[in-house]
């Protein structure tokens, strides 16, 4: 029997738990303490309890500003990010340069603007705001920019990359110098009278080259994840939703990490072909220790 304590995607985790066989009793905790304290439970009632790493460990990765500091030595894997305009070096201080003004704790494209540096250069950033340099040389789909959500699991001293991922295509026709929200930030567009839905893939499909780029980038990110790897063990894990762009060169560049990703997706393709299989394979790995084929060890 496998039980779940969670405050995100609880139905999906319970559905997955019901489909994974385990001879004894186990408890998996997927609880974001930002929304409230973890309820008390009797750990002695279970043979196995697997919990998320504490926020003290994951916050440096979830916080876009602190992640920018961590990634300073990995400029080709992450855009330059600053929490103070005065920190921007002269080499990056072109008034016409494009930047993303973000809330360091925001998610889902909320509280994000694409701006030219001149529009904020003489002002002070608001509390919790950061500036992240725009990546212009991005690969497009139907002349539109897109981002990729890939899942990374850190558990028992190992890092795993899930072999299914999805794209979300942005709104308008892409121009590298445009600051329009619909082009640079919006997560969907309407075309041909119907709403565009996210695309989902797995490593066996024609987009394998895209997965290879994600694989290369995440292998290099293992050194960045070292604090999480060291803190993880048989009974603790972190499930990360990592967002990437694919550059024209074919390389993947990380733009943010969600340490508590919302795994409920309205698109049935993403929900059924990516998120639920990932949750089911995560439950199976955490409880039985048997590695499903879709979780690739880095």
C-alpha atoms as a PDB file:
ATOM      1  CA  UNK A   1       0.000   0.000   0.000  1.00  0.00           C
ATOM      2  CA  UNK A   2       1.273   3.445  -0.940  1.00  0.00           C
ATOM      3  CA  UNK A   3      -0.198   6.589   0.592  1.00  0.00           C
ATOM      4  CA  UNK A   4       0.326  10.199  -0.440  1.00  0.00           C
ATOM      5  CA  UNK A   5       0.416  13.405   1.579  1.00  0.00           C
ATOM      6  CA  UNK A   6       0.405  16.345  -0.783  1.00  0.00           C
ATOM      7  CA  UNK A   7      -0.971  19.759  -1.604  1.00  0.00           C
ATOM      8  CA  UNK A   8      -0.147  19.724  -5.320  1.00  0.00           C
ATOM      9  CA  UNK A   9      -1.336  17.239  -7.950  1.00  0.00           C
ATOM     10  CA  UNK A  10      -2.719  15.020  -5.179  1.00  0.00           C
ATOM     11  CA  UNK A  11      -5.165  13.210  -7.472  1.00  0.00           C
ATOM     12  CA  UNK A  12      -2.389  12.374  -9.921  1.00  0.00           C
ATOM     13  CA  UNK A  13      -0.107  11.084  -7.163  1.00  0.00           C
ATOM     14  CA  UNK A  14      -2.915   8.978  -5.679  1.00  0.00           C
ATOM     15  CA  UNK A  15      -3.764   7.593  -9.112  1.00  0.00           C
ATOM     16  CA  UNK A  16      -0.103   6.708  -9.633  1.00  0.00           C
ATOM     17  CA  UNK A  17       0.164   5.133  -6.172  1.00  0.00           C
ATOM     18  CA  UNK A  18      -2.802   2.892  -6.948  1.00  0.00           C
ATOM     19  CA  UNK A  19      -1.031   1.578 -10.045  1.00  0.00           C
ATOM     20  CA  UNK A  20       2.325   0.815  -8.422  1.00  0.00           C
ATOM     21  CA  UNK A  21       2.605  -2.481  -6.559  1.00  0.00           C
ATOM     22  CA  UNK A  22       4.380  -2.472  -3.196  1.00  0.00           C
ATOM     23  CA  UNK A  23       4.146  -5.350  -0.738  1.00  0.00           C
ATOM     24  CA  UNK A  24       4.506  -3.244   2.385  1.00  0.00           C
ATOM     25  CA  UNK A  25       3.414   0.241   3.476  1.00  0.00           C
ATOM     26  CA  UNK A  26       4.949   3.431   2.115  1.00  0.00           C
ATOM     27  CA  UNK A  27       4.254   7.133   2.357  1.00  0.00           C
ATOM     28  CA  UNK A  28       5.338   9.701  -0.237  1.00  0.00           C
ATOM     29  CA  UNK A  29       5.173  13.380   0.668  1.00  0.00           C
ATOM     30  CA  UNK A  30       4.769  15.997  -2.072  1.00  0.00           C
ATOM     31  CA  UNK A  31       3.992  19.063   0.005  1.00  0.00           C
ATOM     32  CA  UNK A  32       4.937  22.665  -0.706  1.00  0.00           C
ATOM     33  CA  UNK A  33       5.360  24.252   2.721  1.00  0.00           C
ATOM     34  CA  UNK A  34       5.018  27.736   1.186  1.00  0.00           C
ATOM     35  CA  UNK A  35       1.269  27.067   1.076  1.00  0.00           C
ATOM     36  CA  UNK A  36       1.162  25.903   4.699  1.00  0.00           C
ATOM     37  CA  UNK A  37       2.924  23.656   7.197  1.00  0.00           C
ATOM     38  CA  UNK A  38       3.184  19.947   6.543  1.00  0.00           C
ATOM     39  CA  UNK A  39       0.481  18.084   8.509  1.00  0.00           C
ATOM     40  CA  UNK A  40       1.617  15.778  11.286  1.00  0.00           C
ATOM     41  CA  UNK A  41       1.820  12.111  10.406  1.00  0.00           C
ATOM     42  CA  UNK A  42       2.980   8.962  12.153  1.00  0.00           C
ATOM     43  CA  UNK A  43       6.175   7.935  10.364  1.00  0.00           C
ATOM     44  CA  UNK A  44       6.319   4.738  12.433  1.00  0.00           C
ATOM     45  CA  UNK A  45       3.117   3.546  10.761  1.00  0.00           C
ATOM     46  CA  UNK A  46       4.987   2.995   7.490  1.00  0.00           C
ATOM     47  CA  UNK A  47       7.865   0.783   6.509  1.00  0.00           C
ATOM     48  CA  UNK A  48       9.082   3.518   4.150  1.00  0.00           C
ATOM     49  CA  UNK A  49       8.625   7.305   4.185  1.00  0.00           C
ATOM     50  CA  UNK A  50      10.013   9.430   1.340  1.00  0.00           C
ATOM     51  CA  UNK A  51       9.834  13.208   1.723  1.00  0.00           C
ATOM     52  CA  UNK A  52      10.859  16.219  -0.324  1.00  0.00           C
ATOM     53  CA  UNK A  53      14.071  17.992   0.516  1.00  0.00           C
ATOM     54  CA  UNK A  54      13.392  20.984   2.784  1.00  0.00           C
ATOM     55  CA  UNK A  55      12.988  24.482   1.384  1.00  0.00           C
ATOM     56  CA  UNK A  56      16.264  25.461   3.036  1.00  0.00           C
ATOM     57  CA  UNK A  57      17.941  23.219   0.433  1.00  0.00           C
ATOM     58  CA  UNK A  58      15.791  24.019  -2.610  1.00  0.00           C
ATOM     59  CA  UNK A  59      15.164  27.763  -2.184  1.00  0.00           C
ATOM     60  CA  UNK A  60      18.501  28.799  -3.743  1.00  0.00           C
ATOM     61  CA  UNK A  61      17.385  27.049  -6.948  1.00  0.00           C
ATOM     62  CA  UNK A  62      13.743  28.132  -6.854  1.00  0.00           C
ATOM     63  CA  UNK A  63      14.722  31.794  -6.322  1.00  0.00           C
ATOM     64  CA  UNK A  64      15.617  33.250  -9.739  1.00  0.00           C
ATOM     65  CA  UNK A  65      17.979  35.798  -8.227  1.00  0.00           C
ATOM     66  CA  UNK A  66      19.906  33.324  -6.125  1.00  0.00           C
ATOM     67  CA  UNK A  67      19.989  30.895  -9.029  1.00  0.00           C
ATOM     68  CA  UNK A  68      21.600  33.652 -11.105  1.00  0.00           C
ATOM     69  CA  UNK A  69      24.343  33.931  -8.502  1.00  0.00           C
ATOM     70  CA  UNK A  70      24.847  30.150  -8.475  1.00  0.00           C
ATOM     71  CA  UNK A  71      25.089  30.109 -12.270  1.00  0.00           C
ATOM     72  CA  UNK A  72      27.685  32.894 -12.571  1.00  0.00           C
ATOM     73  CA  UNK A  73      30.339  30.384 -13.556  1.00  0.00           C
ATOM     74  CA  UNK A  74      28.035  28.835 -16.158  1.00  0.00           C
ATOM     75  CA  UNK A  75      27.211  31.781 -18.442  1.00  0.00           C
ATOM     76  CA  UNK A  76      26.690  29.531 -21.462  1.00  0.00           C
ATOM     77  CA  UNK A  77      24.072  27.548 -19.515  1.00  0.00           C
ATOM     78  CA  UNK A  78      22.153  30.427 -17.931  1.00  0.00           C
ATOM     79  CA  UNK A  79      21.540  34.095 -18.858  1.00  0.00           C
ATOM     80  CA  UNK A  80      23.250  36.777 -16.780  1.00  0.00           C
ATOM     81  CA  UNK A  81      20.929  37.791 -13.956  1.00  0.00           C
ATOM     82  CA  UNK A  82      21.071  40.760 -11.582  1.00  0.00           C
ATOM     83  CA  UNK A  83      19.047  41.984  -8.603  1.00  0.00           C
ATOM     84  CA  UNK A  84      20.538  45.492  -8.788  1.00  0.00           C
ATOM     85  CA  UNK A  85      20.900  47.564 -11.958  1.00  0.00           C
ATOM     86  CA  UNK A  86      24.199  48.961 -10.702  1.00  0.00           C
ATOM     87  CA  UNK A  87      25.644  45.431 -10.769  1.00  0.00           C
ATOM     88  CA  UNK A  88      25.305  45.204 -14.553  1.00  0.00           C
ATOM     89  CA  UNK A  89      28.807  45.517 -16.053  1.00  0.00           C
ATOM     90  CA  UNK A  90      29.551  48.099 -18.729  1.00  0.00           C
ATOM     91  CA  UNK A  91      29.940  45.320 -21.287  1.00  0.00           C
ATOM     92  CA  UNK A  92      26.214  44.502 -20.880  1.00  0.00           C
ATOM     93  CA  UNK A  93      24.911  48.038 -20.306  1.00  0.00           C
ATOM     94  CA  UNK A  94      23.685  48.798 -23.828  1.00  0.00           C
ATOM     95  CA  UNK A  95      20.559  50.967 -23.311  1.00  0.00           C
ATOM     96  CA  UNK A  96      18.873  49.135 -26.192  1.00  0.00           C
ATOM     97  CA  UNK A  97      19.738  45.735 -24.754  1.00  0.00           C
ATOM     98  CA  UNK A  98      16.765  43.501 -24.006  1.00  0.00           C
ATOM     99  CA  UNK A  99      16.129  42.079 -20.565  1.00  0.00           C
ATOM    100  CA  UNK A 100      13.398  40.215 -18.731  1.00  0.00           C
ATOM    101  CA  UNK A 101      12.155  41.936 -15.609  1.00  0.00           C
ATOM    102  CA  UNK A 102      10.902  39.174 -13.312  1.00  0.00           C
ATOM    103  CA  UNK A 103       9.670  38.559  -9.811  1.00  0.00           C
ATOM    104  CA  UNK A 104      12.324  36.271  -8.364  1.00  0.00           C
ATOM    105  CA  UNK A 105       9.579  34.068  -6.884  1.00  0.00           C
ATOM    106  CA  UNK A 106       7.120  34.210  -9.802  1.00  0.00           C
ATOM    107  CA  UNK A 107       5.952  31.272 -11.911  1.00  0.00           C
ATOM    108  CA  UNK A 108       3.910  30.551 -15.012  1.00  0.00           C
ATOM    109  CA  UNK A 109       4.877  33.746 -16.839  1.00  0.00           C
ATOM    110  CA  UNK A 110       3.318  35.978 -14.187  1.00  0.00           C
ATOM    111  CA  UNK A 111       5.041  39.214 -13.193  1.00  0.00           C
ATOM    112  CA  UNK A 112       7.348  39.070 -16.217  1.00  0.00           C
ATOM    113  CA  UNK A 113       8.053  41.900 -18.668  1.00  0.00           C
ATOM    114  CA  UNK A 114      10.438  42.140 -21.590  1.00  0.00           C
ATOM    115  CA  UNK A 115      12.079  45.579 -21.428  1.00  0.00           C
ATOM    116  CA  UNK A 116      14.921  47.561 -22.901  1.00  0.00           C
ATOM    117  CA  UNK A 117      17.560  48.408 -20.343  1.00  0.00           C
ATOM    118  CA  UNK A 118      17.049  52.141 -20.959  1.00  0.00           C
ATOM    119  CA  UNK A 119      13.491  51.908 -19.586  1.00  0.00           C
ATOM    120  CA  UNK A 120      14.701  50.781 -16.159  1.00  0.00           C
ATOM    121  CA  UNK A 121      18.280  52.045 -16.108  1.00  0.00           C
ATOM    122  CA  UNK A 122      17.521  55.152 -14.064  1.00  0.00           C
ATOM    123  CA  UNK A 123      15.174  53.497 -11.606  1.00  0.00           C
ATOM    124  CA  UNK A 124      15.529  51.141  -8.703  1.00  0.00           C
ATOM    125  CA  UNK A 125      14.250  47.609  -9.003  1.00  0.00           C
ATOM    126  CA  UNK A 126      11.292  46.731  -6.827  1.00  0.00           C
ATOM    127  CA  UNK A 127      11.693  44.344  -3.952  1.00  0.00           C
ATOM    128  CA  UNK A 128      11.930  40.742  -5.255  1.00  0.00           C
ATOM    129  CA  UNK A 129      12.586  41.933  -8.837  1.00  0.00           C
ATOM    130  CA  UNK A 130      15.498  40.728 -10.952  1.00  0.00           C
ATOM    131  CA  UNK A 131      16.749  41.433 -14.467  1.00  0.00           C
ATOM    132  CA  UNK A 132      17.664  38.503 -16.685  1.00  0.00           C
ATOM    133  CA  UNK A 133      19.420  39.104 -19.992  1.00  0.00           C
ATOM    134  CA  UNK A 134      17.350  38.069 -23.015  1.00  0.00           C
ATOM    135  CA  UNK A 135      18.501  35.178 -25.174  1.00  0.00           C
ATOM    136  CA  UNK A 136      17.861  36.233 -28.776  1.00  0.00           C
ATOM    137  CA  UNK A 137      19.328  33.449 -30.909  1.00  0.00           C
ATOM    138  CA  UNK A 138      16.595  30.921 -30.173  1.00  0.00           C
ATOM    139  CA  UNK A 139      15.185  28.086 -32.233  1.00  0.00           C
ATOM    140  CA  UNK A 140      11.619  28.717 -33.405  1.00  0.00           C
ATOM    141  CA  UNK A 141       8.491  26.716 -34.159  1.00  0.00           C
ATOM    142  CA  UNK A 142       6.300  28.155 -36.920  1.00  0.00           C
ATOM    143  CA  UNK A 143       8.257  31.418 -36.496  1.00  0.00           C
ATOM    144  CA  UNK A 144       7.365  31.557 -32.800  1.00  0.00           C
ATOM    145  CA  UNK A 145       9.546  31.309 -29.747  1.00  0.00           C
ATOM    146  CA  UNK A 146       9.025  28.352 -27.438  1.00  0.00           C
ATOM    147  CA  UNK A 147      10.187  27.153 -24.039  1.00  0.00           C
ATOM    148  CA  UNK A 148      10.679  23.584 -22.863  1.00  0.00           C
ATOM    149  CA  UNK A 149       9.672  22.048 -19.544  1.00  0.00           C
ATOM    150  CA  UNK A 150      11.901  19.133 -18.598  1.00  0.00           C
ATOM    151  CA  UNK A 151      11.743  17.199 -15.333  1.00  0.00           C
ATOM    152  CA  UNK A 152      14.779  16.418 -13.210  1.00  0.00           C
ATOM    153  CA  UNK A 153      14.657  14.141 -10.168  1.00  0.00           C
ATOM    154  CA  UNK A 154      17.315  14.175  -7.461  1.00  0.00           C
ATOM    155  CA  UNK A 155      17.105  11.172  -5.160  1.00  0.00           C
ATOM    156  CA  UNK A 156      19.438   8.958  -3.172  1.00  0.00           C
ATOM    157  CA  UNK A 157      22.555  10.756  -4.365  1.00  0.00           C
ATOM    158  CA  UNK A 158      21.629  10.474  -8.069  1.00  0.00           C
ATOM    159  CA  UNK A 159      20.276  12.827 -10.736  1.00  0.00           C
ATOM    160  CA  UNK A 160      17.728  11.648 -13.284  1.00  0.00           C
ATOM    161  CA  UNK A 161      16.328  13.318 -16.419  1.00  0.00           C
ATOM    162  CA  UNK A 162      12.891  12.295 -17.647  1.00  0.00           C
ATOM    163  CA  UNK A 163      12.757  11.232 -21.286  1.00  0.00           C
ATOM    164  CA  UNK A 164       9.425  12.940 -21.951  1.00  0.00           C
ATOM    165  CA  UNK A 165       9.177  16.707 -22.121  1.00  0.00           C
ATOM    166  CA  UNK A 166       6.920  19.374 -23.567  1.00  0.00           C
ATOM    167  CA  UNK A 167       7.169  22.670 -25.400  1.00  0.00           C
ATOM    168  CA  UNK A 168       4.994  25.714 -24.865  1.00  0.00           C
ATOM    169  CA  UNK A 169       4.927  27.986 -27.895  1.00  0.00           C
ATOM    170  CA  UNK A 170       4.703  31.722 -27.299  1.00  0.00           C
ATOM    171  CA  UNK A 171       2.163  34.090 -28.746  1.00  0.00           C
ATOM    172  CA  UNK A 172       3.205  36.274 -31.663  1.00  0.00           C
ATOM    173  CA  UNK A 173       5.537  35.908 -34.622  1.00  0.00           C
ATOM    174  CA  UNK A 174       9.054  36.181 -33.230  1.00  0.00           C
ATOM    175  CA  UNK A 175      11.302  39.164 -33.716  1.00  0.00           C
ATOM    176  CA  UNK A 176      14.546  39.200 -31.725  1.00  0.00           C
ATOM    177  CA  UNK A 177      14.145  42.922 -30.989  1.00  0.00           C
ATOM    178  CA  UNK A 178      10.468  42.873 -29.989  1.00  0.00           C
ATOM    179  CA  UNK A 179       9.475  43.419 -26.368  1.00  0.00           C
ATOM    180  CA  UNK A 180       5.788  42.470 -26.813  1.00  0.00           C
ATOM    181  CA  UNK A 181       4.446  40.235 -24.062  1.00  0.00           C
ATOM    182  CA  UNK A 182       2.667  37.983 -26.560  1.00  0.00           C
ATOM    183  CA  UNK A 183       5.931  37.322 -28.407  1.00  0.00           C
ATOM    184  CA  UNK A 184       8.386  36.979 -25.534  1.00  0.00           C
ATOM    185  CA  UNK A 185       6.377  35.743 -22.538  1.00  0.00           C
ATOM    186  CA  UNK A 186       2.831  34.594 -23.301  1.00  0.00           C
ATOM    187  CA  UNK A 187       2.527  30.836 -22.935  1.00  0.00           C
ATOM    188  CA  UNK A 188      -0.009  30.238 -25.698  1.00  0.00           C
ATOM    189  CA  UNK A 189      -1.276  31.729 -28.910  1.00  0.00           C
ATOM    190  CA  UNK A 190      -4.505  31.594 -30.878  1.00  0.00           C
ATOM    191  CA  UNK A 191      -4.085  30.651 -34.506  1.00  0.00           C
ATOM    192  CA  UNK A 192      -6.576  29.554 -37.155  1.00  0.00           C
ATOM    193  CA  UNK A 193      -9.452  30.147 -34.766  1.00  0.00           C
ATOM    194  CA  UNK A 194      -8.298  27.563 -32.231  1.00  0.00           C
ATOM    195  CA  UNK A 195      -6.040  27.796 -29.230  1.00  0.00           C
ATOM    196  CA  UNK A 196      -2.612  26.334 -29.795  1.00  0.00           C
ATOM    197  CA  UNK A 197      -1.851  23.477 -27.445  1.00  0.00           C
ATOM    198  CA  UNK A 198       1.567  22.541 -26.044  1.00  0.00           C
ATOM    199  CA  UNK A 199       3.557  19.900 -27.886  1.00  0.00           C
ATOM    200  CA  UNK A 200       4.905  16.854 -26.112  1.00  0.00           C
ATOM    201  CA  UNK A 201       7.695  14.492 -27.094  1.00  0.00           C
ATOM    202  CA  UNK A 202       9.755  11.590 -25.910  1.00  0.00           C
ATOM    203  CA  UNK A 203      13.352  10.648 -26.603  1.00  0.00           C
ATOM    204  CA  UNK A 204      12.383   8.036 -29.211  1.00  0.00           C
ATOM    205  CA  UNK A 205      10.677  10.525 -31.526  1.00  0.00           C
ATOM    206  CA  UNK A 206      12.001  12.726 -34.317  1.00  0.00           C
ATOM    207  CA  UNK A 207      12.853  15.465 -31.842  1.00  0.00           C
ATOM    208  CA  UNK A 208      15.537  13.304 -30.274  1.00  0.00           C
ATOM    209  CA  UNK A 209      18.074  16.026 -31.111  1.00  0.00           C
ATOM    210  CA  UNK A 210      16.203  18.332 -28.765  1.00  0.00           C
ATOM    211  CA  UNK A 211      16.376  15.746 -26.006  1.00  0.00           C
ATOM    212  CA  UNK A 212      20.083  15.296 -26.662  1.00  0.00           C
ATOM    213  CA  UNK A 213      20.502  19.040 -26.029  1.00  0.00           C
ATOM    214  CA  UNK A 214      18.572  18.744 -22.753  1.00  0.00           C
ATOM    215  CA  UNK A 215      20.676  15.731 -21.814  1.00  0.00           C
ATOM    216  CA  UNK A 216      23.955  17.572 -22.435  1.00  0.00           C
ATOM    217  CA  UNK A 217      22.828  20.623 -20.491  1.00  0.00           C
ATOM    218  CA  UNK A 218      21.609  18.647 -17.486  1.00  0.00           C
ATOM    219  CA  UNK A 219      24.775  16.554 -17.339  1.00  0.00           C
ATOM    220  CA  UNK A 220      26.695  19.813 -17.028  1.00  0.00           C
ATOM    221  CA  UNK A 221      24.226  21.023 -14.401  1.00  0.00           C
ATOM    222  CA  UNK A 222      25.106  18.108 -12.108  1.00  0.00           C
ATOM    223  CA  UNK A 223      27.857  20.213 -10.537  1.00  0.00           C
ATOM    224  CA  UNK A 224      25.281  22.955  -9.879  1.00  0.00           C
ATOM    225  CA  UNK A 225      22.934  20.441  -8.243  1.00  0.00           C
ATOM    226  CA  UNK A 226      25.703  19.151  -5.945  1.00  0.00           C
ATOM    227  CA  UNK A 227      24.149  20.563  -2.701  1.00  0.00           C
ATOM    228  CA  UNK A 228      20.859  18.815  -3.469  1.00  0.00           C
ATOM    229  CA  UNK A 229      22.587  15.596  -4.464  1.00  0.00           C
ATOM    230  CA  UNK A 230      24.553  15.538  -1.211  1.00  0.00           C
ATOM    231  CA  UNK A 231      21.458  16.157   0.911  1.00  0.00           C
ATOM    232  CA  UNK A 232      19.294  13.592  -0.854  1.00  0.00           C
ATOM    233  CA  UNK A 233      19.112   9.990   0.342  1.00  0.00           C
ATOM    234  CA  UNK A 234      16.848   6.929   0.199  1.00  0.00           C
ATOM    235  CA  UNK A 235      14.170   8.851   2.086  1.00  0.00           C
ATOM    236  CA  UNK A 236      14.448  12.306   0.504  1.00  0.00           C
ATOM    237  CA  UNK A 237      14.135  13.688  -3.005  1.00  0.00           C
ATOM    238  CA  UNK A 238      13.616  16.827  -5.058  1.00  0.00           C
ATOM    239  CA  UNK A 239      11.535  16.950  -8.230  1.00  0.00           C
ATOM    240  CA  UNK A 240      12.494  19.959 -10.358  1.00  0.00           C
ATOM    241  CA  UNK A 241      10.628  21.496 -13.267  1.00  0.00           C
ATOM    242  CA  UNK A 242      13.421  22.991 -15.373  1.00  0.00           C
ATOM    243  CA  UNK A 243      12.627  25.455 -18.155  1.00  0.00           C
ATOM    244  CA  UNK A 244      14.922  25.716 -21.167  1.00  0.00           C
ATOM    245  CA  UNK A 245      15.315  27.505 -24.480  1.00  0.00           C
ATOM    246  CA  UNK A 246      16.996  25.828 -27.447  1.00  0.00           C
ATOM    247  CA  UNK A 247      19.466  28.144 -29.118  1.00  0.00           C
ATOM    248  CA  UNK A 248      19.979  28.277 -32.884  1.00  0.00           C
ATOM    249  CA  UNK A 249      23.223  26.393 -32.277  1.00  0.00           C
ATOM    250  CA  UNK A 250      21.181  23.458 -30.956  1.00  0.00           C
ATOM    251  CA  UNK A 251      22.357  23.893 -27.355  1.00  0.00           C
ATOM    252  CA  UNK A 252      19.895  24.138 -24.467  1.00  0.00           C
ATOM    253  CA  UNK A 253      20.066  27.053 -22.049  1.00  0.00           C
ATOM    254  CA  UNK A 254      18.330  26.983 -18.665  1.00  0.00           C
ATOM    255  CA  UNK A 255      16.168  29.999 -17.838  1.00  0.00           C
ATOM    256  CA  UNK A 256      14.624  28.972 -14.501  1.00  0.00           C
ATOM    257  CA  UNK A 257      13.960  26.129 -12.089  1.00  0.00           C
ATOM    258  CA  UNK A 258      10.717  25.377 -10.282  1.00  0.00           C
ATOM    259  CA  UNK A 259      11.503  23.367  -7.168  1.00  0.00           C
ATOM    260  CA  UNK A 260       7.800  22.741  -6.534  1.00  0.00           C
ATOM    261  CA  UNK A 261       6.346  22.469 -10.043  1.00  0.00           C
ATOM    262  CA  UNK A 262       2.611  22.462 -10.511  1.00  0.00           C
ATOM    263  CA  UNK A 263       2.075  19.130 -12.229  1.00  0.00           C
ATOM    264  CA  UNK A 264      -1.577  19.692 -13.141  1.00  0.00           C
ATOM    265  CA  UNK A 265      -1.806  20.677 -16.811  1.00  0.00           C
ATOM    266  CA  UNK A 266      -5.015  21.571 -18.654  1.00  0.00           C
ATOM    267  CA  UNK A 267      -3.785  20.154 -21.939  1.00  0.00           C
ATOM    268  CA  UNK A 268      -4.742  16.442 -22.041  1.00  0.00           C
ATOM    269  CA  UNK A 269      -1.691  15.535 -24.120  1.00  0.00           C
ATOM    270  CA  UNK A 270       0.737  16.968 -21.586  1.00  0.00           C
ATOM    271  CA  UNK A 271      -1.296  15.630 -18.683  1.00  0.00           C
ATOM    272  CA  UNK A 272      -1.591  12.077 -19.999  1.00  0.00           C
ATOM    273  CA  UNK A 273       1.568  11.682 -22.074  1.00  0.00           C
ATOM    274  CA  UNK A 274       4.110  13.542 -19.920  1.00  0.00           C
ATOM    275  CA  UNK A 275       3.062  14.535 -16.421  1.00  0.00           C
ATOM    276  CA  UNK A 276       1.160  11.476 -15.265  1.00  0.00           C
ATOM    277  CA  UNK A 277       3.684   8.940 -16.616  1.00  0.00           C
ATOM    278  CA  UNK A 278       6.431  10.983 -14.954  1.00  0.00           C
ATOM    279  CA  UNK A 279       4.599  10.952 -11.610  1.00  0.00           C
ATOM    280  CA  UNK A 280       3.906   7.223 -11.888  1.00  0.00           C
ATOM    281  CA  UNK A 281       7.541   6.469 -12.731  1.00  0.00           C
ATOM    282  CA  UNK A 282       8.654   8.711  -9.845  1.00  0.00           C
ATOM    283  CA  UNK A 283       6.433   6.891  -7.367  1.00  0.00           C
ATOM    284  CA  UNK A 284       7.715   3.538  -8.643  1.00  0.00           C
ATOM    285  CA  UNK A 285      11.370   4.592  -8.326  1.00  0.00           C
ATOM    286  CA  UNK A 286      11.009   6.218  -4.894  1.00  0.00           C
ATOM    287  CA  UNK A 287       9.136   3.285  -3.403  1.00  0.00           C
ATOM    288  CA  UNK A 288      10.564   0.179  -5.057  1.00  0.00           C
ATOM    289  CA  UNK A 289      14.021   1.485  -5.987  1.00  0.00           C
ATOM    290  CA  UNK A 290      13.532  -0.033  -9.448  1.00  0.00           C
ATOM    291  CA  UNK A 291      14.456   2.479 -12.149  1.00  0.00           C
ATOM    292  CA  UNK A 292      11.848   2.900 -14.892  1.00  0.00           C
ATOM    293  CA  UNK A 293      13.262   3.185 -18.400  1.00  0.00           C
ATOM    294  CA  UNK A 294      12.000   6.753 -18.817  1.00  0.00           C
ATOM    295  CA  UNK A 295      14.151   8.081 -15.953  1.00  0.00           C
ATOM    296  CA  UNK A 296      17.646   8.464 -17.376  1.00  0.00           C
ATOM    297  CA  UNK A 297      20.510   8.563 -14.876  1.00  0.00           C
ATOM    298  CA  UNK A 298      22.856  11.478 -15.498  1.00  0.00           C
END
